[in-house]
PDB file of N, CA and C in Angstrom:
ATOM      1  N   MET A   1     -36.321 -28.991 -19.068  1.00  0.00           N
ATOM      2  CA  MET A   1     -36.257 -28.887 -20.511  1.00  0.00           C
ATOM      3  C   MET A   1     -37.468 -28.084 -20.989  1.00  0.00           C
ATOM      4  N   ALA A   2     -37.241 -27.063 -21.759  1.00  0.00           N
ATOM      5  CA  ALA A   2     -38.317 -26.209 -22.259  1.00  0.00           C
ATOM      6  C   ALA A   2     -38.941 -26.834 -23.500  1.00  0.00           C
ATOM      7  N   ALA A   3     -40.235 -26.647 -23.631  1.00  0.00           N
ATOM      8  CA  ALA A   3     -40.935 -27.152 -24.810  1.00  0.00           C
ATOM      9  C   ALA A   3     -40.590 -26.287 -26.012  1.00  0.00           C
ATOM     10  N   ILE A   4     -40.396 -26.918 -27.137  1.00  0.00           N
ATOM     11  CA  ILE A   4     -40.109 -26.197 -28.370  1.00  0.00           C
ATOM     12  C   ILE A   4     -41.426 -26.059 -29.120  1.00  0.00           C
ATOM     13  N   PRO A   5     -41.870 -24.820 -29.355  1.00  0.00           N
ATOM     14  CA  PRO A   5     -43.144 -24.661 -30.057  1.00  0.00           C
ATOM     15  C   PRO A   5     -43.054 -25.153 -31.493  1.00  0.00           C
ATOM     16  N   LEU A   6     -44.121 -25.763 -31.956  1.00  0.00           N
ATOM     17  CA  LEU A   6     -44.166 -26.261 -33.321  1.00  0.00           C
ATOM     18  C   LEU A   6     -44.565 -25.144 -34.267  1.00  0.00           C
ATOM     19  N   THR A   7     -44.008 -25.173 -35.466  1.00  0.00           N
ATOM     20  CA  THR A   7     -44.408 -24.199 -36.482  1.00  0.00           C
ATOM     21  C   THR A   7     -45.753 -24.640 -37.056  1.00  0.00           C
ATOM     22  N   PRO A   8     -46.471 -23.731 -37.723  1.00  0.00           N
ATOM     23  CA  PRO A   8     -47.753 -24.124 -38.316  1.00  0.00           C
ATOM     24  C   PRO A   8     -47.650 -25.338 -39.227  1.00  0.00           C
ATOM     25  N   THR A   9     -46.563 -25.423 -40.021  1.00  0.00           N
ATOM     26  CA  THR A   9     -46.400 -26.580 -40.897  1.00  0.00           C
ATOM     27  C   THR A   9     -46.266 -27.855 -40.091  1.00  0.00           C
ATOM     28  N   GLU A  10     -45.539 -27.800 -38.986  1.00  0.00           N
ATOM     29  CA  GLU A  10     -45.363 -28.980 -38.141  1.00  0.00           C
ATOM     30  C   GLU A  10     -46.662 -29.367 -37.439  1.00  0.00           C
ATOM     31  N   GLN A  11     -47.613 -28.455 -37.378  1.00  0.00           N
ATOM     32  CA  GLN A  11     -48.892 -28.739 -36.745  1.00  0.00           C
ATOM     33  C   GLN A  11     -49.937 -29.152 -37.772  1.00  0.00           C
ATOM     34  N   GLY A  12     -49.600 -29.142 -39.055  1.00  0.00           N
ATOM     35  CA  GLY A  12     -50.523 -29.577 -40.088  1.00  0.00           C
ATOM     36  C   GLY A  12     -51.238 -28.458 -40.814  1.00  0.00           C
ATOM     37  N   ASP A  13     -50.921 -27.195 -40.508  1.00  0.00           N
ATOM     38  CA  ASP A  13     -51.545 -26.063 -41.188  1.00  0.00           C
ATOM     39  C   ASP A  13     -50.779 -25.760 -42.464  1.00  0.00           C
ATOM     40  N   TYR A  14     -50.987 -26.579 -43.484  1.00  0.00           N
ATOM     41  CA  TYR A  14     -50.225 -26.470 -44.713  1.00  0.00           C
ATOM     42  C   TYR A  14     -50.683 -25.314 -45.596  1.00  0.00           C
ATOM     43  N   SER A  15     -51.901 -24.832 -45.403  1.00  0.00           N
ATOM     44  CA  SER A  15     -52.395 -23.707 -46.205  1.00  0.00           C
ATOM     45  C   SER A  15     -52.040 -22.369 -45.566  1.00  0.00           C
ATOM     46  N   GLY A  16     -51.634 -22.388 -44.300  1.00  0.00           N
ATOM     47  CA  GLY A  16     -51.228 -21.172 -43.613  1.00  0.00           C
ATOM     48  C   GLY A  16     -52.374 -20.266 -43.190  1.00  0.00           C
ATOM     49  N   ASN A  17     -53.592 -20.811 -43.068  1.00  0.00           N
ATOM     50  CA  ASN A  17     -54.730 -19.978 -42.692  1.00  0.00           C
ATOM     51  C   ASN A  17     -55.036 -19.973 -41.196  1.00  0.00           C
ATOM     52  N   GLY A  18     -54.206 -20.628 -40.395  1.00  0.00           N
ATOM     53  CA  GLY A  18     -54.397 -20.607 -38.944  1.00  0.00           C
ATOM     54  C   GLY A  18     -55.230 -21.736 -38.391  1.00  0.00           C
ATOM     55  N   THR A  19     -55.749 -22.587 -39.246  1.00  0.00           N
ATOM     56  CA  THR A  19     -56.495 -23.758 -38.783  1.00  0.00           C
ATOM     57  C   THR A  19     -56.037 -24.983 -39.558  1.00  0.00           C
ATOM     58  N   VAL A  20     -56.245 -26.140 -38.962  1.00  0.00           N
ATOM     59  CA  VAL A  20     -55.907 -27.394 -39.634  1.00  0.00           C
ATOM     60  C   VAL A  20     -57.225 -28.018 -40.078  1.00  0.00           C
ATOM     61  N   GLY A  21     -57.448 -28.008 -41.380  1.00  0.00           N
ATOM     62  CA  GLY A  21     -58.715 -28.495 -41.921  1.00  0.00           C
ATOM     63  C   GLY A  21     -58.548 -29.119 -43.286  1.00  0.00           C
ATOM     64  N   PRO A  22     -59.670 -29.279 -44.005  1.00  0.00           N
ATOM     65  CA  PRO A  22     -59.642 -29.950 -45.304  1.00  0.00           C
ATOM     66  C   PRO A  22     -58.762 -29.260 -46.344  1.00  0.00           C
ATOM     67  N   GLU A  23     -58.647 -27.938 -46.260  1.00  0.00           N
ATOM     68  CA  GLU A  23     -57.815 -27.228 -47.234  1.00  0.00           C
ATOM     69  C   GLU A  23     -56.346 -27.615 -47.097  1.00  0.00           C
ATOM     70  N   ASP A  24     -55.936 -27.991 -45.898  1.00  0.00           N
ATOM     71  CA  ASP A  24     -54.553 -28.434 -45.685  1.00  0.00           C
ATOM     72  C   ASP A  24     -54.325 -29.811 -46.306  1.00  0.00           C
ATOM     73  N   TYR A  25     -55.346 -30.651 -46.233  1.00  0.00           N
ATOM     74  CA  TYR A  25     -55.266 -31.950 -46.898  1.00  0.00           C
ATOM     75  C   TYR A  25     -55.083 -31.759 -48.398  1.00  0.00           C
ATOM     76  N   ASP A  26     -55.810 -30.787 -48.975  1.00  0.00           N
ATOM     77  CA  ASP A  26     -55.696 -30.517 -50.406  1.00  0.00           C
ATOM     78  C   ASP A  26     -54.272 -30.102 -50.780  1.00  0.00           C
ATOM     79  N   VAL A  27     -53.649 -29.261 -49.947  1.00  0.00           N
ATOM     80  CA  VAL A  27     -52.257 -28.855 -50.201  1.00  0.00           C
ATOM     81  C   VAL A  27     -51.355 -30.078 -50.140  1.00  0.00           C
ATOM     82  N   TRP A  28     -51.545 -30.925 -49.121  1.00  0.00           N
ATOM     83  CA  TRP A  28     -50.732 -32.138 -48.983  1.00  0.00           C
ATOM     84  C   TRP A  28     -50.896 -33.031 -50.210  1.00  0.00           C
ATOM     85  N   LYS A  29     -52.151 -33.251 -50.612  1.00  0.00           N
ATOM     86  CA  LYS A  29     -52.447 -34.138 -51.748  1.00  0.00           C
ATOM     87  C   LYS A  29     -51.818 -33.598 -53.033  1.00  0.00           C
ATOM     88  N   ASP A  30     -51.952 -32.284 -53.260  1.00  0.00           N
ATOM     89  CA  ASP A  30     -51.402 -31.681 -54.479  1.00  0.00           C
ATOM     90  C   ASP A  30     -49.876 -31.731 -54.522  1.00  0.00           C
ATOM     91  N   ASP A  31     -49.235 -31.644 -53.357  1.00  0.00           N
ATOM     92  CA  ASP A  31     -47.771 -31.607 -53.293  1.00  0.00           C
ATOM     93  C   ASP A  31     -47.143 -32.962 -52.967  1.00  0.00           C
ATOM     94  N   PHE A  32     -47.955 -34.001 -52.835  1.00  0.00           N
ATOM     95  CA  PHE A  32     -47.440 -35.318 -52.441  1.00  0.00           C
ATOM     96  C   PHE A  32     -46.300 -35.761 -53.354  1.00  0.00           C
ATOM     97  N   GLY A  33     -45.201 -36.167 -52.751  1.00  0.00           N
ATOM     98  CA  GLY A  33     -44.027 -36.642 -53.479  1.00  0.00           C
ATOM     99  C   GLY A  33     -43.033 -35.550 -53.830  1.00  0.00           C
ATOM    100  N   SER A  34     -43.379 -34.306 -53.594  1.00  0.00           N
ATOM    101  CA  SER A  34     -42.508 -33.196 -53.974  1.00  0.00           C
ATOM    102  C   SER A  34     -41.334 -33.037 -53.009  1.00  0.00           C
ATOM    103  N   THR A  35     -40.201 -32.661 -53.586  1.00  0.00           N
ATOM    104  CA  THR A  35     -39.040 -32.302 -52.765  1.00  0.00           C
ATOM    105  C   THR A  35     -38.722 -30.814 -52.934  1.00  0.00           C
ATOM    106  N   THR A  36     -39.551 -30.113 -53.715  1.00  0.00           N
ATOM    107  CA  THR A  36     -39.338 -28.680 -53.922  1.00  0.00           C
ATOM    108  C   THR A  36     -40.495 -27.842 -53.376  1.00  0.00           C
ATOM    109  N   LEU A  37     -41.721 -28.318 -53.511  1.00  0.00           N
ATOM    110  CA  LEU A  37     -42.890 -27.638 -52.934  1.00  0.00           C
ATOM    111  C   LEU A  37     -43.129 -28.252 -51.553  1.00  0.00           C
ATOM    112  N   LEU A  38     -42.627 -27.586 -50.532  1.00  0.00           N
ATOM    113  CA  LEU A  38     -42.610 -28.208 -49.203  1.00  0.00           C
ATOM    114  C   LEU A  38     -43.559 -27.561 -48.194  1.00  0.00           C
ATOM    115  N   ALA A  39     -44.602 -26.900 -48.685  1.00  0.00           N
ATOM    116  CA  ALA A  39     -45.568 -26.299 -47.757  1.00  0.00           C
ATOM    117  C   ALA A  39     -46.230 -27.364 -46.895  1.00  0.00           C
ATOM    118  N   ALA A  40     -46.339 -28.588 -47.398  1.00  0.00           N
ATOM    119  CA  ALA A  40     -46.993 -29.668 -46.661  1.00  0.00           C
ATOM    120  C   ALA A  40     -45.996 -30.667 -46.083  1.00  0.00           C
ATOM    121  N   ASP A  41     -44.756 -30.242 -45.890  1.00  0.00           N
ATOM    122  CA  ASP A  41     -43.738 -31.107 -45.279  1.00  0.00           C
ATOM    123  C   ASP A  41     -43.816 -30.934 -43.768  1.00  0.00           C
ATOM    124  N   GLY A  42     -44.787 -31.576 -43.157  1.00  0.00           N
ATOM    125  CA  GLY A  42     -45.066 -31.396 -41.736  1.00  0.00           C
ATOM    126  C   GLY A  42     -43.988 -31.887 -40.796  1.00  0.00           C
ATOM    127  N   ASN A  43     -43.192 -32.845 -41.214  1.00  0.00           N
ATOM    128  CA  ASN A  43     -42.152 -33.348 -40.314  1.00  0.00           C
ATOM    129  C   ASN A  43     -40.764 -32.856 -40.685  1.00  0.00           C
ATOM    130  N   GLY A  44     -40.675 -32.033 -41.726  1.00  0.00           N
ATOM    131  CA  GLY A  44     -39.406 -31.397 -42.076  1.00  0.00           C
ATOM    132  C   GLY A  44     -38.344 -32.313 -42.634  1.00  0.00           C
ATOM    133  N   ASN A  45     -38.744 -33.431 -43.262  1.00  0.00           N
ATOM    134  CA  ASN A  45     -37.732 -34.351 -43.784  1.00  0.00           C
ATOM    135  C   ASN A  45     -37.367 -34.085 -45.240  1.00  0.00           C
ATOM    136  N   GLY A  46     -37.911 -32.993 -45.826  1.00  0.00           N
ATOM    137  CA  GLY A  46     -37.525 -32.616 -47.174  1.00  0.00           C
ATOM    138  C   GLY A  46     -38.334 -33.237 -48.289  1.00  0.00           C
ATOM    139  N   ILE A  47     -39.382 -33.958 -47.961  1.00  0.00           N
ATOM    140  CA  ILE A  47     -40.265 -34.551 -48.961  1.00  0.00           C
ATOM    141  C   ILE A  47     -41.687 -34.588 -48.389  1.00  0.00           C
ATOM    142  N   VAL A  48     -42.649 -34.322 -49.246  1.00  0.00           N
ATOM    143  CA  VAL A  48     -44.049 -34.412 -48.828  1.00  0.00           C
ATOM    144  C   VAL A  48     -44.458 -35.866 -49.003  1.00  0.00           C
ATOM    145  N   ASP A  49     -44.704 -36.532 -47.877  1.00  0.00           N
ATOM    146  CA  ASP A  49     -44.982 -37.959 -47.915  1.00  0.00           C
ATOM    147  C   ASP A  49     -46.099 -38.335 -46.937  1.00  0.00           C
ATOM    148  N   ALA A  50     -46.299 -39.632 -46.755  1.00  0.00           N
ATOM    149  CA  ALA A  50     -47.381 -40.127 -45.897  1.00  0.00           C
ATOM    150  C   ALA A  50     -47.211 -39.673 -44.449  1.00  0.00           C
ATOM    151  N   ALA A  51     -45.993 -39.482 -43.996  1.00  0.00           N
ATOM    152  CA  ALA A  51     -45.772 -39.023 -42.619  1.00  0.00           C
ATOM    153  C   ALA A  51     -46.360 -37.626 -42.418  1.00  0.00           C
ATOM    154  N   ASP A  52     -46.369 -36.825 -43.463  1.00  0.00           N
ATOM    155  CA  ASP A  52     -46.931 -35.479 -43.372  1.00  0.00           C
ATOM    156  C   ASP A  52     -48.458 -35.526 -43.311  1.00  0.00           C
ATOM    157  N   TYR A  53     -49.041 -36.543 -43.940  1.00  0.00           N
ATOM    158  CA  TYR A  53     -50.489 -36.763 -43.803  1.00  0.00           C
ATOM    159  C   TYR A  53     -50.815 -37.061 -42.341  1.00  0.00           C
ATOM    160  N   THR A  54     -49.984 -37.872 -41.699  1.00  0.00           N
ATOM    161  CA  THR A  54     -50.203 -38.219 -40.293  1.00  0.00           C
ATOM    162  C   THR A  54     -50.133 -36.974 -39.414  1.00  0.00           C
ATOM    163  N   VAL A  55     -49.201 -36.076 -39.706  1.00  0.00           N
ATOM    164  CA  VAL A  55     -49.115 -34.814 -38.961  1.00  0.00           C
ATOM    165  C   VAL A  55     -50.424 -34.048 -39.104  1.00  0.00           C
ATOM    166  N   TRP A  56     -50.924 -33.959 -40.326  1.00  0.00           N
ATOM    167  CA  TRP A  56     -52.187 -33.250 -40.574  1.00  0.00           C
ATOM    168  C   TRP A  56     -53.339 -33.926 -39.832  1.00  0.00           C
ATOM    169  N   ARG A  57     -53.452 -35.238 -39.980  1.00  0.00           N
ATOM    170  CA  ARG A  57     -54.549 -35.990 -39.359  1.00  0.00           C
ATOM    171  C   ARG A  57     -54.536 -35.857 -37.838  1.00  0.00           C
ATOM    172  N   ASP A  58     -53.368 -35.919 -37.247  1.00  0.00           N
ATOM    173  CA  ASP A  58     -53.254 -35.842 -35.791  1.00  0.00           C
ATOM    174  C   ASP A  58     -53.616 -34.465 -35.246  1.00  0.00           C
ATOM    175  N   HIS A  59     -53.585 -33.436 -36.078  1.00  0.00           N
ATOM    176  CA  HIS A  59     -53.885 -32.077 -35.628  1.00  0.00           C
ATOM    177  C   HIS A  59     -55.161 -31.508 -36.247  1.00  0.00           C
ATOM    178  N   LEU A  60     -55.922 -32.349 -36.956  1.00  0.00           N
ATOM    179  CA  LEU A  60     -57.151 -31.899 -37.605  1.00  0.00           C
ATOM    180  C   LEU A  60     -58.075 -31.237 -36.587  1.00  0.00           C
ATOM    181  N   GLY A  61     -58.533 -30.030 -36.905  1.00  0.00           N
ATOM    182  CA  GLY A  61     -59.405 -29.270 -36.003  1.00  0.00           C
ATOM    183  C   GLY A  61     -58.658 -28.270 -35.153  1.00  0.00           C
ATOM    184  N   LEU A  62     -57.340 -28.285 -35.216  1.00  0.00           N
ATOM    185  CA  LEU A  62     -56.520 -27.376 -34.423  1.00  0.00           C
ATOM    186  C   LEU A  62     -56.654 -25.948 -34.940  1.00  0.00           C
ATOM    187  N   VAL A  63     -56.837 -25.019 -34.026  1.00  0.00           N
ATOM    188  CA  VAL A  63     -56.844 -23.599 -34.371  1.00  0.00           C
ATOM    189  C   VAL A  63     -55.607 -23.007 -33.735  1.00  0.00           C
ATOM    190  N   LEU A  64     -54.740 -22.430 -34.558  1.00  0.00           N
ATOM    191  CA  LEU A  64     -53.489 -21.901 -34.051  1.00  0.00           C
ATOM    192  C   LEU A  64     -53.734 -20.604 -33.306  1.00  0.00           C
ATOM    193  N   GLY A  65     -52.776 -20.211 -32.474  1.00  0.00           N
ATOM    194  CA  GLY A  65     -52.899 -18.993 -31.682  1.00  0.00           C
ATOM    195  C   GLY A  65     -53.090 -17.750 -32.532  1.00  0.00           C
ATOM    196  N   SER A  66     -53.188 -16.631 -31.895  1.00  0.00           N
ATOM    197  CA  SER A  66     -53.505 -15.368 -32.557  1.00  0.00           C
ATOM    198  C   SER A  66     -52.375 -14.852 -33.431  1.00  0.00           C
ATOM    199  N   GLY A  67     -51.279 -15.575 -33.505  1.00  0.00           N
ATOM    200  CA  GLY A  67     -50.163 -15.144 -34.327  1.00  0.00           C
ATOM    201  C   GLY A  67     -49.082 -14.453 -33.515  1.00  0.00           C
ATOM    202  N   SER A  68     -49.339 -14.201 -32.237  1.00  0.00           N
ATOM    203  CA  SER A  68     -48.320 -13.590 -31.402  1.00  0.00           C
ATOM    204  C   SER A  68     -47.280 -14.629 -31.027  1.00  0.00           C
ATOM    205  N   ALA A  69     -46.092 -14.173 -30.753  1.00  0.00           N
ATOM    206  CA  ALA A  69     -45.003 -15.091 -30.416  1.00  0.00           C
ATOM    207  C   ALA A  69     -45.365 -15.881 -29.173  1.00  0.00           C
ATOM    208  N   GLY A  70     -45.146 -17.158 -29.247  1.00  0.00           N
ATOM    209  CA  GLY A  70     -45.401 -18.021 -28.098  1.00  0.00           C
ATOM    210  C   GLY A  70     -46.863 -18.383 -27.932  1.00  0.00           C
ATOM    211  N   ALA A  71     -47.721 -17.974 -28.850  1.00  0.00           N
ATOM    212  CA  ALA A  71     -49.133 -18.322 -28.733  1.00  0.00           C
ATOM    213  C   ALA A  71     -49.269 -19.828 -28.867  1.00  0.00           C
ATOM    214  N   SER A  72     -50.034 -20.392 -28.001  1.00  0.00           N
ATOM    215  CA  SER A  72     -50.188 -21.831 -28.052  1.00  0.00           C
ATOM    216  C   SER A  72     -51.449 -22.194 -28.814  1.00  0.00           C
ATOM    217  N   PRO A  73     -51.405 -23.296 -29.555  1.00  0.00           N
ATOM    218  CA  PRO A  73     -52.568 -23.708 -30.312  1.00  0.00           C
ATOM    219  C   PRO A  73     -53.666 -24.200 -29.383  1.00  0.00           C
ATOM    220  N   SER A  74     -54.889 -24.185 -29.881  1.00  0.00           N
ATOM    221  CA  SER A  74     -56.000 -24.686 -29.090  1.00  0.00           C
ATOM    222  C   SER A  74     -56.945 -25.443 -29.991  1.00  0.00           C
ATOM    223  N   LEU A  75     -57.718 -26.313 -29.394  1.00  0.00           N
ATOM    224  CA  LEU A  75     -58.728 -27.044 -30.125  1.00  0.00           C
ATOM    225  C   LEU A  75     -60.069 -26.383 -29.901  1.00  0.00           C
ATOM    226  N   VAL A  76     -60.864 -26.348 -30.914  1.00  0.00           N
ATOM    227  CA  VAL A  76     -62.195 -25.788 -30.811  1.00  0.00           C
ATOM    228  C   VAL A  76     -63.161 -26.943 -30.634  1.00  0.00           C
ATOM    229  N   SER A  77     -63.968 -26.884 -29.604  1.00  0.00           N
ATOM    230  CA  SER A  77     -64.928 -27.939 -29.337  1.00  0.00           C
ATOM    231  C   SER A  77     -66.208 -27.673 -30.112  1.00  0.00           C
ATOM    232  N   VAL A  78     -66.613 -28.656 -30.896  1.00  0.00           N
ATOM    233  CA  VAL A  78     -67.844 -28.552 -31.673  1.00  0.00           C
ATOM    234  C   VAL A  78     -68.735 -29.708 -31.256  1.00  0.00           C
ATOM    235  N   PRO A  79     -69.950 -29.409 -30.767  1.00  0.00           N
ATOM    236  CA  PRO A  79     -70.818 -30.499 -30.320  1.00  0.00           C
ATOM    237  C   PRO A  79     -71.273 -31.372 -31.481  1.00  0.00           C
ATOM    238  N   GLU A  80     -71.444 -32.634 -31.199  1.00  0.00           N
ATOM    239  CA  GLU A  80     -71.958 -33.559 -32.190  1.00  0.00           C
ATOM    240  C   GLU A  80     -73.431 -33.253 -32.450  1.00  0.00           C
ATOM    241  N   PRO A  81     -73.877 -33.282 -33.701  1.00  0.00           N
ATOM    242  CA  PRO A  81     -75.293 -33.029 -33.985  1.00  0.00           C
ATOM    243  C   PRO A  81     -76.218 -33.999 -33.253  1.00  0.00           C
ATOM    244  N   ALA A  82     -75.821 -35.256 -33.152  1.00  0.00           N
ATOM    245  CA  ALA A  82     -76.663 -36.237 -32.472  1.00  0.00           C
ATOM    246  C   ALA A  82     -76.813 -35.892 -30.997  1.00  0.00           C
ATOM    247  N   ALA A  83     -75.752 -35.391 -30.370  1.00  0.00           N
ATOM    248  CA  ALA A  83     -75.821 -35.023 -28.956  1.00  0.00           C
ATOM    249  C   ALA A  83     -76.778 -33.850 -28.757  1.00  0.00           C
ATOM    250  N   ALA A  84     -76.754 -32.900 -29.680  1.00  0.00           N
ATOM    251  CA  ALA A  84     -77.669 -31.759 -29.585  1.00  0.00           C
ATOM    252  C   ALA A  84     -79.112 -32.219 -29.733  1.00  0.00           C
ATOM    253  N   ALA A  85     -79.361 -33.152 -30.638  1.00  0.00           N
ATOM    254  CA  ALA A  85     -80.714 -33.673 -30.833  1.00  0.00           C
ATOM    255  C   ALA A  85     -81.187 -34.416 -29.591  1.00  0.00           C
ATOM    256  N   LEU A  86     -80.317 -35.227 -29.001  1.00  0.00           N
ATOM    257  CA  LEU A  86     -80.688 -35.947 -27.779  1.00  0.00           C
ATOM    258  C   LEU A  86     -80.974 -34.986 -26.635  1.00  0.00           C
ATOM    259  N   TRP A  87     -80.191 -33.922 -26.534  1.00  0.00           N
ATOM    260  CA  TRP A  87     -80.426 -32.928 -25.496  1.00  0.00           C
ATOM    261  C   TRP A  87     -81.799 -32.291 -25.682  1.00  0.00           C
ATOM    262  N   ALA A  88     -82.151 -31.955 -26.928  1.00  0.00           N
ATOM    263  CA  ALA A  88     -83.442 -31.328 -27.209  1.00  0.00           C
ATOM    264  C   ALA A  88     -84.596 -32.267 -26.874  1.00  0.00           C
ATOM    265  N   ILE A  89     -84.481 -33.525 -27.254  1.00  0.00           N
ATOM    266  CA  ILE A  89     -85.531 -34.505 -26.957  1.00  0.00           C
ATOM    267  C   ILE A  89     -85.667 -34.688 -25.449  1.00  0.00           C
ATOM    268  N   GLY A  90     -84.534 -34.791 -24.760  1.00  0.00           N
ATOM    269  CA  GLY A  90     -84.565 -34.935 -23.302  1.00  0.00           C
ATOM    270  C   GLY A  90     -85.214 -33.745 -22.633  1.00  0.00           C
ATOM    271  N   SER A  91     -84.972 -32.551 -23.144  1.00  0.00           N
ATOM    272  CA  SER A  91     -85.572 -31.344 -22.569  1.00  0.00           C
ATOM    273  C   SER A  91     -87.087 -31.368 -22.700  1.00  0.00           C
ATOM    274  N   VAL A  92     -87.588 -31.874 -23.823  1.00  0.00           N
ATOM    275  CA  VAL A  92     -89.036 -31.972 -24.025  1.00  0.00           C
ATOM    276  C   VAL A  92     -89.641 -32.933 -23.012  1.00  0.00           C
ATOM    277  N   PHE A  93     -89.015 -34.088 -22.807  1.00  0.00           N
ATOM    278  CA  PHE A  93     -89.541 -35.063 -21.848  1.00  0.00           C
ATOM    279  C   PHE A  93     -89.525 -34.509 -20.421  1.00  0.00           C
ATOM    280  N   VAL A  94     -88.498 -33.775 -20.076  1.00  0.00           N
ATOM    281  CA  VAL A  94     -88.434 -33.165 -18.740  1.00  0.00           C
ATOM    282  C   VAL A  94     -89.548 -32.143 -18.582  1.00  0.00           C
ATOM    283  N   ALA A  95     -89.775 -31.316 -19.601  1.00  0.00           N
ATOM    284  CA  ALA A  95     -90.817 -30.292 -19.534  1.00  0.00           C
ATOM    285  C   ALA A  95     -92.203 -30.929 -19.440  1.00  0.00           C
ATOM    286  N   VAL A  96     -92.452 -31.991 -20.205  1.00  0.00           N
ATOM    287  CA  VAL A  96     -93.749 -32.674 -20.161  1.00  0.00           C
ATOM    288  C   VAL A  96     -93.940 -33.330 -18.819  1.00  0.00           C
ATOM    289  N   GLY A  97     -92.910 -33.940 -18.287  1.00  0.00           N
ATOM    290  CA  GLY A  97     -92.998 -34.600 -16.986  1.00  0.00           C
ATOM    291  C   GLY A  97     -93.315 -33.630 -15.869  1.00  0.00           C
ATOM    292  N   ARG A  98     -92.796 -32.437 -15.919  1.00  0.00           N
ATOM    293  CA  ARG A  98     -93.049 -31.436 -14.895  1.00  0.00           C
ATOM    294  C   ARG A  98     -94.483 -30.935 -14.951  1.00  0.00           C
ATOM    295  N   ARG A  99     -95.087 -30.890 -16.123  1.00  0.00           N
ATOM    296  CA  ARG A  99     -96.470 -30.413 -16.257  1.00  0.00           C
ATOM    297  C   ARG A  99     -97.459 -31.376 -15.630  1.00  0.00           C
ATOM    298  N   ARG A 100     -97.162 -32.642 -15.628  1.00  0.00           N
ATOM    299  CA  ARG A 100     -98.079 -33.666 -15.095  1.00  0.00           C
ATOM    300  C   ARG A 100     -98.076 -33.685 -13.572  1.00  0.00           C
ATOM    301  N   GLU A 101     -97.068 -33.155 -12.946  1.00  0.00           N
ATOM    302  CA  GLU A 101     -96.967 -33.211 -11.476  1.00  0.00           C
ATOM    303  C   GLU A 101     -97.862 -32.241 -10.803  1.00  0.00           C
TER     304      GLU A 101
END
C-alpha cells in the first residue's frame, strides 16, 4: 500500500507559508466554526473545529518540502536554550580542568 501524501492543510499549514507555526493557529482561531472559510480545515470534514487544532498542534514546527511534487515534510531541530547554556558551562569546566593538569 502506497503512502498518500498529506496536503499542507492536512499537515496544519493553514497560512500556506510552508511551515506550521503560530500564524497557522491564528488562521484556525479566526476561522473557528466556519463552514465556508476552510483554510484551517485540517481534517477535511467541512468545518473548522477542535479537530483541526489537533492537526495543527501535532505538526507544530513542521517545515514542508521545497514545493516539488512528492516532497516530504521535515522537522527542523532547534536546540533548547538551557541545553546550550549547560554545554557552555561544561566546556568552561573542561577547559579549566585541563589547565590544572
